[in-house]
Amino acid sequence: MAAIADETPLMSLRHKGRTAALDLVLPIALAWVLVGLFHAHFFRPPPKSNQLEPSFFGPIRMRLKLPGTAGRIPEPLIVCGRAGNASFVYIRLLKDAQARVGVEFWGIGAFESDVFTLPAADAQITFQCSIPAFFPDVGDREWLATSPREQAFLTTHYFLAVNGVLRLTGSIDYKQPPHSLIYIGSNPVGGSLVSYAFTGTILSTSQAK
């Protein structure tokens, strides 16, 4: 995936006959512009525990210190929900300082990125994530001035990025109650794929509100 930036859609606009590509790229770019705006103007401080208070909405940004190991097991970065109705955002650490990131929706299945190279096996990285469970229901007053089209898009798509590079995105129809519990770096919910805890260090976490 290319770095998250405005350059790709802007360059595509210069080439006629590529409307299909624009239809794909522009919504993704729009979503990440919204993610950036949320973080730039409405962010919350790092949590004092591994659980975020279920009173905020918006994408989550994390600063991580990787453990330097290659367990190949999906380790939880963010778990949102309860047994039977949860979203699991994870990282799978591989040999030679490589990794995958992914998201599992309980009852539907998991979606995982291609393999990508890390700066080092024990590097510090920035991780950004947006999933439908992080937002209010469409039409909720907490969206403020966000348009209905943008609301619909953010509540039906997921985005995972590492160090500013979009690694995984897709559409999903998965309903979770607003203000579902969010756990950082741990998985007390269960499931069959994601392990119990992230073996690295969570340096900081922020979420839009």
N, C-alpha and C. Protein backbone atom coordinates (compact mmCIF):
# COMPACT_ATOMS: atom_id res chain seq x y z
N MET A 1 0.84 -1.19 0.00
CA MET A 1 0.00 0.00 0.00
C MET A 1 0.88 1.26 0.00
N ALA A 2 0.43 2.30 -0.56
CA ALA A 2 1.19 3.53 -0.59
C ALA A 2 1.00 4.28 0.72
N ALA A 3 1.89 5.24 1.00
CA ALA A 3 1.76 6.05 2.19
C ALA A 3 0.47 6.83 2.16
N ILE A 4 -0.06 7.09 3.37
CA ILE A 4 -1.31 7.85 3.47
C ILE A 4 -0.99 9.30 3.13
N ALA A 5 -1.52 9.77 2.03
CA ALA A 5 -1.24 11.14 1.59
C ALA A 5 -2.26 11.53 0.55
N ASP A 6 -2.26 12.82 0.23
CA ASP A 6 -3.18 13.31 -0.77
C ASP A 6 -2.63 13.16 -2.19
N GLU A 7 -1.34 12.75 -2.34
CA GLU A 7 -0.70 12.78 -3.64
C GLU A 7 -1.36 11.81 -4.63
N THR A 8 -1.70 10.58 -4.17
CA THR A 8 -2.22 9.58 -5.09
C THR A 8 -3.50 10.02 -5.78
N PRO A 9 -4.56 10.44 -5.02
CA PRO A 9 -5.76 10.89 -5.72
C PRO A 9 -5.55 12.12 -6.56
N LEU A 10 -4.66 13.06 -6.12
CA LEU A 10 -4.43 14.28 -6.89
C LEU A 10 -3.77 13.97 -8.23
N MET A 11 -2.82 13.03 -8.20
CA MET A 11 -2.16 12.67 -9.45
C MET A 11 -3.12 11.94 -10.38
N SER A 12 -4.01 11.12 -9.79
CA SER A 12 -4.95 10.37 -10.61
C SER A 12 -5.91 11.29 -11.35
N LEU A 13 -6.24 12.44 -10.75
CA LEU A 13 -7.16 13.37 -11.38
C LEU A 13 -6.62 13.93 -12.70
N ARG A 14 -5.31 13.86 -12.87
CA ARG A 14 -4.70 14.41 -14.09
C ARG A 14 -4.83 13.45 -15.28
N HIS A 15 -5.29 12.25 -15.02
CA HIS A 15 -5.37 11.26 -16.09
C HIS A 15 -6.82 10.89 -16.34
N LYS A 16 -7.32 11.29 -17.49
CA LYS A 16 -8.71 10.97 -17.83
C LYS A 16 -8.84 9.48 -18.10
N GLY A 17 -10.03 8.98 -17.95
CA GLY A 17 -10.29 7.58 -18.21
C GLY A 17 -9.99 6.66 -17.07
N ARG A 18 -9.64 7.23 -15.86
CA ARG A 18 -9.33 6.39 -14.71
C ARG A 18 -10.38 6.57 -13.62
N THR A 19 -11.60 6.70 -13.98
CA THR A 19 -12.66 6.94 -13.00
C THR A 19 -12.83 5.76 -12.05
N ALA A 20 -12.58 4.55 -12.52
CA ALA A 20 -12.70 3.39 -11.64
C ALA A 20 -11.69 3.46 -10.51
N ALA A 21 -10.46 3.85 -10.84
CA ALA A 21 -9.43 3.98 -9.81
C ALA A 21 -9.78 5.09 -8.83
N LEU A 22 -10.31 6.19 -9.36
CA LEU A 22 -10.69 7.29 -8.47
C LEU A 22 -11.80 6.88 -7.52
N ASP A 23 -12.75 6.10 -8.02
CA ASP A 23 -13.85 5.66 -7.17
C ASP A 23 -13.34 4.84 -6.00
N LEU A 24 -12.23 4.14 -6.19
CA LEU A 24 -11.65 3.35 -5.11
C LEU A 24 -10.78 4.18 -4.18
N VAL A 25 -9.94 5.04 -4.75
CA VAL A 25 -8.94 5.77 -3.96
C VAL A 25 -9.54 6.93 -3.19
N LEU A 26 -10.44 7.68 -3.81
CA LEU A 26 -10.96 8.88 -3.16
C LEU A 26 -11.68 8.62 -1.85
N PRO A 27 -12.54 7.59 -1.75
CA PRO A 27 -13.16 7.34 -0.44
C PRO A 27 -12.14 7.01 0.65
N ILE A 28 -11.09 6.26 0.28
CA ILE A 28 -10.05 5.92 1.26
C ILE A 28 -9.31 7.18 1.70
N ALA A 29 -8.97 8.03 0.72
CA ALA A 29 -8.29 9.28 1.06
C ALA A 29 -9.18 10.16 1.93
N LEU A 30 -10.46 10.22 1.60
CA LEU A 30 -11.40 11.02 2.39
C LEU A 30 -11.46 10.53 3.82
N ALA A 31 -11.51 9.20 3.99
CA ALA A 31 -11.59 8.65 5.34
C ALA A 31 -10.36 8.99 6.15
N TRP A 32 -9.17 8.92 5.52
CA TRP A 32 -7.96 9.20 6.28
C TRP A 32 -7.78 10.69 6.54
N VAL A 33 -8.32 11.53 5.69
CA VAL A 33 -8.35 12.96 6.00
C VAL A 33 -9.19 13.20 7.25
N LEU A 34 -10.33 12.52 7.32
CA LEU A 34 -11.19 12.65 8.51
C LEU A 34 -10.48 12.12 9.74
N VAL A 35 -9.79 10.98 9.60
CA VAL A 35 -9.03 10.43 10.72
C VAL A 35 -8.00 11.43 11.21
N GLY A 36 -7.28 12.05 10.26
CA GLY A 36 -6.27 13.04 10.64
C GLY A 36 -6.87 14.24 11.34
N LEU A 37 -8.02 14.69 10.86
CA LEU A 37 -8.67 15.83 11.48
C LEU A 37 -9.13 15.50 12.89
N PHE A 38 -9.68 14.32 13.07
CA PHE A 38 -10.10 13.90 14.41
C PHE A 38 -8.92 13.96 15.37
N HIS A 39 -7.77 13.42 14.95
CA HIS A 39 -6.62 13.37 15.84
C HIS A 39 -5.98 14.74 16.04
N ALA A 40 -6.02 15.57 15.05
CA ALA A 40 -5.39 16.88 15.16
C ALA A 40 -6.14 17.80 16.11
N HIS A 41 -7.45 17.65 16.20
CA HIS A 41 -8.25 18.62 16.95
C HIS A 41 -8.98 18.05 18.15
N PHE A 42 -9.20 16.73 18.19
CA PHE A 42 -9.97 16.15 19.28
C PHE A 42 -9.29 14.86 19.75
N PHE A 43 -8.33 14.97 20.66
CA PHE A 43 -7.66 13.77 21.11
C PHE A 43 -7.73 13.69 22.63
N ARG A 44 -7.59 12.49 23.13
CA ARG A 44 -7.63 12.26 24.56
C ARG A 44 -6.26 11.78 25.02
N PRO A 45 -5.88 11.98 26.28
CA PRO A 45 -4.56 11.57 26.77
C PRO A 45 -4.46 10.05 26.89
N PRO A 46 -3.24 9.54 27.06
CA PRO A 46 -3.06 8.09 27.20
C PRO A 46 -3.85 7.56 28.40
N PRO A 47 -4.38 6.34 28.30
CA PRO A 47 -5.12 5.78 29.41
C PRO A 47 -4.20 5.38 30.55
N LYS A 48 -4.73 5.34 31.78
CA LYS A 48 -3.95 4.91 32.94
C LYS A 48 -3.99 3.40 33.09
N SER A 49 -4.85 2.72 32.36
CA SER A 49 -4.94 1.28 32.41
C SER A 49 -5.04 0.75 30.99
N ASN A 50 -5.31 -0.55 30.86
CA ASN A 50 -5.40 -1.14 29.52
C ASN A 50 -6.81 -1.05 28.95
N GLN A 51 -7.67 -0.23 29.56
CA GLN A 51 -9.03 -0.08 29.06
C GLN A 51 -9.37 1.38 28.86
N LEU A 52 -9.88 1.71 27.67
CA LEU A 52 -10.33 3.06 27.41
C LEU A 52 -11.75 3.24 27.93
N GLU A 53 -12.02 4.40 28.49
CA GLU A 53 -13.36 4.69 28.95
C GLU A 53 -14.31 4.70 27.75
N PRO A 54 -15.43 4.00 27.83
CA PRO A 54 -16.34 3.91 26.67
C PRO A 54 -17.20 5.15 26.52
N SER A 55 -16.56 6.32 26.44
CA SER A 55 -17.33 7.56 26.34
C SER A 55 -16.84 8.44 25.19
N PHE A 56 -15.90 7.94 24.40
CA PHE A 56 -15.36 8.70 23.29
C PHE A 56 -15.61 7.95 21.98
N PHE A 57 -15.56 8.67 20.89
CA PHE A 57 -15.69 8.07 19.58
C PHE A 57 -14.50 8.49 18.72
N GLY A 58 -14.20 7.68 17.70
CA GLY A 58 -13.18 8.06 16.74
C GLY A 58 -12.05 7.07 16.64
N PRO A 59 -11.16 7.25 15.66
CA PRO A 59 -10.03 6.35 15.44
C PRO A 59 -9.05 6.39 16.59
N ILE A 60 -8.23 5.37 16.68
CA ILE A 60 -7.25 5.25 17.75
C ILE A 60 -5.84 5.28 17.16
N ARG A 61 -4.98 5.99 17.84
CA ARG A 61 -3.56 6.08 17.47
C ARG A 61 -2.74 5.55 18.64
N MET A 62 -1.76 4.71 18.33
CA MET A 62 -0.92 4.12 19.36
C MET A 62 0.55 4.25 18.99
N ARG A 63 1.37 4.38 20.03
CA ARG A 63 2.82 4.32 19.87
C ARG A 63 3.28 3.04 20.57
N LEU A 64 3.95 2.16 19.82
CA LEU A 64 4.30 0.85 20.33
C LEU A 64 5.80 0.63 20.33
N LYS A 65 6.28 -0.13 21.31
CA LYS A 65 7.65 -0.64 21.32
C LYS A 65 7.54 -2.15 21.08
N LEU A 66 8.03 -2.61 19.95
CA LEU A 66 7.91 -4.02 19.60
C LEU A 66 8.83 -4.87 20.49
N PRO A 67 8.47 -6.13 20.72
CA PRO A 67 9.23 -6.95 21.67
C PRO A 67 10.53 -7.51 21.14
N GLY A 68 10.74 -7.46 19.82
CA GLY A 68 11.97 -8.01 19.27
C GLY A 68 11.91 -9.51 19.03
N THR A 69 10.71 -10.09 19.14
CA THR A 69 10.52 -11.52 18.92
C THR A 69 9.72 -11.75 17.65
N ALA A 70 9.61 -13.02 17.25
CA ALA A 70 8.86 -13.37 16.04
C ALA A 70 7.97 -14.57 16.34
N GLY A 71 6.97 -14.35 17.18
CA GLY A 71 6.12 -15.45 17.61
C GLY A 71 5.15 -15.95 16.56
N ARG A 72 4.90 -15.16 15.51
CA ARG A 72 3.97 -15.51 14.42
C ARG A 72 2.53 -15.64 14.90
N ILE A 73 2.27 -15.28 16.15
CA ILE A 73 0.92 -15.40 16.71
C ILE A 73 0.25 -14.03 16.68
N PRO A 74 -1.00 -13.93 16.29
CA PRO A 74 -1.70 -12.65 16.32
C PRO A 74 -1.80 -12.11 17.75
N GLU A 75 -1.17 -10.98 18.02
CA GLU A 75 -1.18 -10.39 19.35
C GLU A 75 -2.11 -9.17 19.35
N PRO A 76 -2.93 -9.02 20.40
CA PRO A 76 -3.93 -7.95 20.41
C PRO A 76 -3.32 -6.56 20.59
N LEU A 77 -3.75 -5.64 19.74
CA LEU A 77 -3.45 -4.23 19.96
C LEU A 77 -4.68 -3.53 20.51
N ILE A 78 -5.84 -3.82 19.92
CA ILE A 78 -7.11 -3.24 20.36
C ILE A 78 -8.18 -4.32 20.28
N VAL A 79 -8.92 -4.48 21.36
CA VAL A 79 -10.07 -5.39 21.37
C VAL A 79 -11.28 -4.58 21.82
N CYS A 80 -12.35 -4.64 21.04
CA CYS A 80 -13.53 -3.82 21.31
C CYS A 80 -14.78 -4.71 21.32
N GLY A 81 -15.51 -4.71 22.45
CA GLY A 81 -16.76 -5.45 22.51
C GLY A 81 -16.80 -6.48 23.61
N ARG A 82 -17.55 -7.52 23.38
CA ARG A 82 -17.77 -8.59 24.35
C ARG A 82 -17.79 -9.92 23.62
N ALA A 83 -17.77 -11.00 24.39
CA ALA A 83 -17.81 -12.34 23.80
C ALA A 83 -19.03 -12.49 22.89
N GLY A 84 -18.79 -12.89 21.67
CA GLY A 84 -19.86 -13.06 20.71
C GLY A 84 -20.12 -11.86 19.82
N ASN A 85 -19.61 -10.71 20.22
CA ASN A 85 -19.82 -9.48 19.44
C ASN A 85 -18.64 -8.54 19.69
N ALA A 86 -17.54 -8.80 18.97
CA ALA A 86 -16.30 -8.05 19.23
C ALA A 86 -15.47 -7.91 17.97
N SER A 87 -14.63 -6.87 17.98
CA SER A 87 -13.64 -6.64 16.93
C SER A 87 -12.25 -6.75 17.55
N PHE A 88 -11.34 -7.46 16.89
CA PHE A 88 -9.99 -7.67 17.39
C PHE A 88 -8.99 -7.10 16.38
N VAL A 89 -8.25 -6.10 16.76
CA VAL A 89 -7.20 -5.55 15.90
C VAL A 89 -5.87 -6.07 16.41
N TYR A 90 -5.05 -6.64 15.53
CA TYR A 90 -3.86 -7.34 16.00
C TYR A 90 -2.66 -7.12 15.10
N ILE A 91 -1.50 -7.55 15.62
CA ILE A 91 -0.26 -7.57 14.84
C ILE A 91 0.32 -8.97 14.93
N ARG A 92 0.84 -9.45 13.82
CA ARG A 92 1.48 -10.77 13.77
C ARG A 92 2.96 -10.54 13.46
N LEU A 93 3.83 -10.77 14.43
CA LEU A 93 5.26 -10.51 14.29
C LEU A 93 5.94 -11.72 13.66
N LEU A 94 6.70 -11.48 12.59
CA LEU A 94 7.34 -12.53 11.83
C LEU A 94 8.86 -12.41 11.91
N LYS A 95 9.56 -13.39 11.39
CA LYS A 95 11.02 -13.36 11.41
C LYS A 95 11.55 -12.28 10.47
N ASP A 96 12.82 -11.95 10.62
CA ASP A 96 13.51 -10.97 9.78
C ASP A 96 12.85 -9.60 9.85
N ALA A 97 12.36 -9.23 11.04
CA ALA A 97 11.76 -7.90 11.27
C ALA A 97 10.63 -7.61 10.28
N GLN A 98 9.76 -8.58 10.13
CA GLN A 98 8.59 -8.40 9.28
C GLN A 98 7.32 -8.63 10.09
N ALA A 99 6.20 -8.19 9.54
CA ALA A 99 4.94 -8.32 10.29
C ALA A 99 3.75 -8.25 9.35
N ARG A 100 2.61 -8.60 9.88
CA ARG A 100 1.31 -8.36 9.28
C ARG A 100 0.43 -7.71 10.34
N VAL A 101 -0.54 -6.92 9.92
CA VAL A 101 -1.57 -6.44 10.83
C VAL A 101 -2.91 -6.92 10.31
N GLY A 102 -3.86 -7.06 11.22
CA GLY A 102 -5.15 -7.58 10.80
C GLY A 102 -6.26 -7.20 11.75
N VAL A 103 -7.47 -7.54 11.35
CA VAL A 103 -8.64 -7.31 12.20
C VAL A 103 -9.57 -8.51 12.04
N GLU A 104 -10.10 -8.98 13.17
CA GLU A 104 -11.06 -10.08 13.16
C GLU A 104 -12.39 -9.57 13.70
N PHE A 105 -13.46 -9.92 13.03
CA PHE A 105 -14.80 -9.59 13.49
C PHE A 105 -15.47 -10.90 13.92
N TRP A 106 -15.80 -10.97 15.21
CA TRP A 106 -16.34 -12.21 15.78
C TRP A 106 -17.57 -12.67 14.97
N GLY A 107 -17.51 -13.89 14.51
CA GLY A 107 -18.62 -14.46 13.77
C GLY A 107 -18.51 -14.30 12.26
N ILE A 108 -17.59 -13.44 11.82
CA ILE A 108 -17.40 -13.23 10.37
C ILE A 108 -16.06 -13.78 9.91
N GLY A 109 -14.98 -13.43 10.61
CA GLY A 109 -13.66 -13.89 10.22
C GLY A 109 -12.63 -12.79 10.30
N ALA A 110 -11.41 -13.12 9.90
CA ALA A 110 -10.28 -12.20 9.99
C ALA A 110 -9.83 -11.73 8.61
N PHE A 111 -9.30 -10.51 8.58
CA PHE A 111 -8.73 -9.92 7.37
C PHE A 111 -7.33 -9.45 7.73
N GLU A 112 -6.34 -9.80 6.91
CA GLU A 112 -4.95 -9.57 7.27
C GLU A 112 -4.19 -8.93 6.11
N SER A 113 -3.25 -8.06 6.46
CA SER A 113 -2.46 -7.36 5.46
C SER A 113 -1.42 -8.27 4.83
N ASP A 114 -0.81 -7.77 3.76
CA ASP A 114 0.38 -8.43 3.23
C ASP A 114 1.53 -8.25 4.22
N VAL A 115 2.56 -9.05 4.06
CA VAL A 115 3.76 -8.91 4.89
C VAL A 115 4.46 -7.59 4.57
N PHE A 116 4.91 -6.89 5.61
CA PHE A 116 5.68 -5.66 5.41
C PHE A 116 6.87 -5.67 6.34
N THR A 117 7.88 -4.87 6.01
CA THR A 117 9.12 -4.83 6.78
C THR A 117 9.06 -3.73 7.84
N LEU A 118 9.52 -4.06 9.04
CA LEU A 118 9.60 -3.11 10.14
C LEU A 118 10.98 -2.47 10.18
N PRO A 119 11.12 -1.30 10.81
CA PRO A 119 12.45 -0.71 10.94
C PRO A 119 13.43 -1.62 11.66
N ALA A 120 12.93 -2.37 12.63
CA ALA A 120 13.72 -3.35 13.38
C ALA A 120 12.75 -4.21 14.17
N ALA A 121 13.21 -5.38 14.59
CA ALA A 121 12.32 -6.28 15.33
C ALA A 121 11.86 -5.68 16.65
N ASP A 122 12.67 -4.79 17.22
CA ASP A 122 12.32 -4.16 18.49
C ASP A 122 12.08 -2.65 18.32
N ALA A 123 11.66 -2.25 17.14
CA ALA A 123 11.49 -0.82 16.83
C ALA A 123 10.30 -0.22 17.56
N GLN A 124 10.29 1.11 17.64
CA GLN A 124 9.11 1.85 18.07
C GLN A 124 8.35 2.24 16.81
N ILE A 125 7.06 1.96 16.79
CA ILE A 125 6.24 2.26 15.62
C ILE A 125 4.99 3.00 16.02
N THR A 126 4.38 3.69 15.05
CA THR A 126 3.09 4.34 15.25
C THR A 126 2.04 3.52 14.52
N PHE A 127 0.97 3.21 15.23
CA PHE A 127 -0.10 2.41 14.67
C PHE A 127 -1.40 3.21 14.73
N GLN A 128 -2.13 3.26 13.61
CA GLN A 128 -3.41 3.96 13.54
C GLN A 128 -4.49 2.98 13.09
N CYS A 129 -5.66 3.11 13.69
CA CYS A 129 -6.72 2.17 13.40
C CYS A 129 -8.07 2.84 13.44
N SER A 130 -8.91 2.49 12.47
CA SER A 130 -10.30 2.93 12.45
C SER A 130 -11.16 1.73 12.08
N ILE A 131 -12.13 1.41 12.94
CA ILE A 131 -13.09 0.34 12.66
C ILE A 131 -14.49 0.86 12.96
N PRO A 132 -15.53 0.26 12.41
CA PRO A 132 -16.88 0.78 12.62
C PRO A 132 -17.28 0.94 14.08
N ALA A 133 -16.79 0.06 14.96
CA ALA A 133 -17.18 0.12 16.37
C ALA A 133 -16.71 1.38 17.08
N PHE A 134 -15.78 2.12 16.47
CA PHE A 134 -15.27 3.34 17.10
C PHE A 134 -16.17 4.56 16.87
N PHE A 135 -17.29 4.39 16.17
CA PHE A 135 -18.13 5.54 15.79
C PHE A 135 -19.56 5.37 16.26
N PRO A 136 -20.29 6.50 16.37
CA PRO A 136 -21.71 6.43 16.74
C PRO A 136 -22.54 5.83 15.61
N ASP A 137 -23.79 5.54 15.92
CA ASP A 137 -24.71 5.12 14.87
C ASP A 137 -24.90 6.27 13.88
N VAL A 138 -25.13 5.94 12.62
CA VAL A 138 -25.41 6.96 11.61
C VAL A 138 -26.61 7.79 12.06
N GLY A 139 -26.45 9.11 11.99
CA GLY A 139 -27.52 10.00 12.39
C GLY A 139 -27.43 10.47 13.82
N ASP A 140 -26.53 9.90 14.61
CA ASP A 140 -26.38 10.32 16.01
C ASP A 140 -25.87 11.76 16.06
N ARG A 141 -26.33 12.51 17.03
CA ARG A 141 -25.95 13.93 17.15
C ARG A 141 -24.46 14.11 17.46
N GLU A 142 -23.79 13.06 17.97
CA GLU A 142 -22.37 13.18 18.29
C GLU A 142 -21.49 13.28 17.05
N TRP A 143 -22.06 13.06 15.88
CA TRP A 143 -21.31 13.26 14.64
C TRP A 143 -21.10 14.74 14.35
N LEU A 144 -21.85 15.60 14.99
CA LEU A 144 -21.77 17.05 14.79
C LEU A 144 -21.99 17.37 13.31
N ALA A 145 -20.99 18.00 12.65
CA ALA A 145 -21.18 18.46 11.28
C ALA A 145 -20.78 17.43 10.23
N THR A 146 -20.42 16.22 10.63
CA THR A 146 -20.02 15.20 9.66
C THR A 146 -21.21 14.84 8.77
N SER A 147 -20.98 14.80 7.47
CA SER A 147 -22.07 14.56 6.52
C SER A 147 -22.58 13.12 6.63
N PRO A 148 -23.83 12.87 6.26
CA PRO A 148 -24.36 11.50 6.27
C PRO A 148 -23.53 10.54 5.43
N ARG A 149 -23.00 11.01 4.30
CA ARG A 149 -22.18 10.15 3.45
C ARG A 149 -20.90 9.73 4.18
N GLU A 150 -20.26 10.67 4.86
CA GLU A 150 -19.04 10.35 5.60
C GLU A 150 -19.34 9.43 6.78
N GLN A 151 -20.47 9.65 7.45
CA GLN A 151 -20.88 8.79 8.55
C GLN A 151 -21.05 7.35 8.06
N ALA A 152 -21.76 7.20 6.95
CA ALA A 152 -22.00 5.87 6.40
C ALA A 152 -20.70 5.18 6.01
N PHE A 153 -19.76 5.96 5.47
CA PHE A 153 -18.49 5.38 5.05
C PHE A 153 -17.68 4.89 6.24
N LEU A 154 -17.54 5.71 7.27
CA LEU A 154 -16.71 5.36 8.42
C LEU A 154 -17.31 4.23 9.24
N THR A 155 -18.61 4.05 9.19
CA THR A 155 -19.24 2.97 9.96
C THR A 155 -19.34 1.67 9.17
N THR A 156 -18.78 1.64 7.97
CA THR A 156 -18.80 0.42 7.17
C THR A 156 -17.42 0.08 6.59
N HIS A 157 -16.37 0.72 7.09
CA HIS A 157 -15.02 0.45 6.59
C HIS A 157 -14.02 0.37 7.74
N TYR A 158 -12.93 -0.34 7.50
CA TYR A 158 -11.84 -0.40 8.47
C TYR A 158 -10.54 0.01 7.79
N PHE A 159 -9.62 0.59 8.58
CA PHE A 159 -8.34 1.08 8.09
C PHE A 159 -7.27 0.82 9.13
N LEU A 160 -6.17 0.22 8.75
CA LEU A 160 -5.04 -0.02 9.65
C LEU A 160 -3.78 0.50 8.99
N ALA A 161 -3.01 1.31 9.71
CA ALA A 161 -1.79 1.89 9.16
C ALA A 161 -0.64 1.75 10.15
N VAL A 162 0.56 1.60 9.61
CA VAL A 162 1.77 1.51 10.42
C VAL A 162 2.76 2.55 9.91
N ASN A 163 3.20 3.41 10.80
CA ASN A 163 4.15 4.48 10.44
C ASN A 163 3.67 5.29 9.24
N GLY A 164 2.38 5.60 9.21
CA GLY A 164 1.84 6.43 8.16
C GLY A 164 1.56 5.73 6.85
N VAL A 165 1.75 4.44 6.80
CA VAL A 165 1.50 3.68 5.57
C VAL A 165 0.25 2.82 5.77
N LEU A 166 -0.72 2.99 4.91
CA LEU A 166 -1.96 2.22 4.99
C LEU A 166 -1.67 0.77 4.61
N ARG A 167 -1.86 -0.13 5.57
CA ARG A 167 -1.53 -1.53 5.34
C ARG A 167 -2.74 -2.41 5.07
N LEU A 168 -3.91 -2.00 5.54
CA LEU A 168 -5.09 -2.83 5.35
C LEU A 168 -6.33 -1.95 5.37
N THR A 169 -7.24 -2.19 4.42
CA THR A 169 -8.51 -1.48 4.39
C THR A 169 -9.54 -2.37 3.73
N GLY A 170 -10.79 -2.15 4.08
CA GLY A 170 -11.86 -2.92 3.47
C GLY A 170 -13.21 -2.47 4.00
N SER A 171 -14.26 -3.01 3.43
CA SER A 171 -15.61 -2.69 3.89
C SER A 171 -16.16 -3.86 4.69
N ILE A 172 -17.03 -3.56 5.65
CA ILE A 172 -17.59 -4.57 6.52
C ILE A 172 -18.95 -4.12 7.03
N ASP A 173 -19.88 -5.03 7.12
CA ASP A 173 -21.17 -4.75 7.74
C ASP A 173 -21.20 -5.51 9.06
N TYR A 174 -20.79 -4.83 10.15
CA TYR A 174 -20.69 -5.47 11.45
C TYR A 174 -21.16 -4.50 12.52
N LYS A 175 -22.24 -4.84 13.18
CA LYS A 175 -22.86 -3.94 14.15
C LYS A 175 -22.40 -4.25 15.57
N GLN A 176 -21.97 -3.21 16.27
CA GLN A 176 -21.66 -3.30 17.68
C GLN A 176 -22.30 -2.10 18.38
N PRO A 177 -22.71 -2.27 19.63
CA PRO A 177 -23.34 -1.15 20.35
C PRO A 177 -22.37 0.02 20.50
N PRO A 178 -22.85 1.25 20.36
CA PRO A 178 -21.99 2.42 20.62
C PRO A 178 -21.41 2.35 22.03
N HIS A 179 -20.22 2.87 22.20
CA HIS A 179 -19.53 2.89 23.49
C HIS A 179 -19.24 1.49 24.01
N SER A 180 -18.98 0.54 23.11
CA SER A 180 -18.53 -0.77 23.55
C SER A 180 -17.18 -0.65 24.25
N LEU A 181 -16.90 -1.51 25.20
CA LEU A 181 -15.64 -1.46 25.93
C LEU A 181 -14.46 -1.66 24.98
N ILE A 182 -13.39 -0.91 25.20
CA ILE A 182 -12.18 -1.00 24.37
C ILE A 182 -11.00 -1.36 25.26
N TYR A 183 -10.31 -2.43 24.91
CA TYR A 183 -9.14 -2.88 25.66
C TYR A 183 -7.88 -2.67 24.81
N ILE A 184 -6.85 -2.16 25.45
CA ILE A 184 -5.60 -1.84 24.77
C ILE A 184 -4.51 -2.85 25.14
N GLY A 185 -3.99 -3.54 24.12
CA GLY A 185 -2.89 -4.46 24.34
C GLY A 185 -3.26 -5.73 25.08
N SER A 186 -4.54 -6.00 25.26
CA SER A 186 -4.96 -7.22 25.94
C SER A 186 -6.26 -7.73 25.35
N ASN A 187 -6.52 -9.02 25.56
CA ASN A 187 -7.73 -9.64 25.03
C ASN A 187 -8.43 -10.44 26.13
N PRO A 188 -9.26 -9.77 26.93
CA PRO A 188 -10.02 -10.49 27.95
C PRO A 188 -11.33 -11.07 27.41
N VAL A 189 -11.61 -10.84 26.14
CA VAL A 189 -12.89 -11.24 25.55
C VAL A 189 -12.91 -12.70 25.13
N GLY A 190 -11.78 -13.19 24.64
CA GLY A 190 -11.72 -14.58 24.19
C GLY A 190 -11.59 -14.67 22.69
N GLY A 191 -12.29 -15.63 22.08
CA GLY A 191 -12.15 -15.85 20.65
C GLY A 191 -11.12 -16.94 20.38
N SER A 192 -10.93 -17.27 19.12
CA SER A 192 -10.07 -18.40 18.77
C SER A 192 -8.78 -18.01 18.07
N LEU A 193 -8.61 -16.74 17.69
CA LEU A 193 -7.46 -16.36 16.88
C LEU A 193 -6.43 -15.55 17.66
N VAL A 194 -6.84 -14.47 18.29
CA VAL A 194 -5.92 -13.50 18.89
C VAL A 194 -5.50 -13.95 20.29
N SER A 195 -4.21 -13.81 20.59
CA SER A 195 -3.69 -14.23 21.89
C SER A 195 -4.18 -13.33 23.02
N TYR A 196 -3.74 -13.62 24.22
CA TYR A 196 -4.24 -12.92 25.40
C TYR A 196 -3.66 -11.51 25.54
N ALA A 197 -2.37 -11.32 25.15
CA ALA A 197 -1.74 -10.02 25.41
C ALA A 197 -0.67 -9.70 24.37
N PHE A 198 -0.46 -8.41 24.13
CA PHE A 198 0.63 -7.91 23.30
C PHE A 198 1.91 -8.02 24.11
N THR A 199 2.97 -8.62 23.53
CA THR A 199 4.20 -8.87 24.28
C THR A 199 5.19 -7.71 24.24
N GLY A 200 4.88 -6.68 23.47
CA GLY A 200 5.71 -5.48 23.47
C GLY A 200 5.21 -4.49 24.53
N THR A 201 5.47 -3.21 24.30
CA THR A 201 5.10 -2.17 25.26
C THR A 201 4.22 -1.13 24.58
N ILE A 202 3.10 -0.79 25.20
CA ILE A 202 2.25 0.30 24.72
C ILE A 202 2.81 1.61 25.30
N LEU A 203 3.38 2.45 24.48
CA LEU A 203 3.98 3.70 24.95
C LEU A 203 2.95 4.81 25.12
N SER A 204 1.99 4.87 24.23
CA SER A 204 0.94 5.89 24.34
C SER A 204 -0.26 5.49 23.51
N THR A 205 -1.40 6.00 23.88
CA THR A 205 -2.65 5.75 23.15
C THR A 205 -3.50 6.99 23.17
N SER A 206 -4.10 7.33 22.05
CA SER A 206 -5.04 8.45 22.00
C SER A 206 -6.22 8.07 21.11
N GLN A 207 -7.36 8.63 21.44
CA GLN A 207 -8.56 8.38 20.66
C GLN A 207 -9.31 9.67 20.48
N ALA A 208 -9.85 9.87 19.28
CA ALA A 208 -10.66 11.04 19.02
C ALA A 208 -11.90 11.01 19.89
N LYS A 209 -12.48 12.17 20.07
CA LYS A 209 -13.71 12.22 20.88
C LYS A 209 -14.75 13.07 20.18
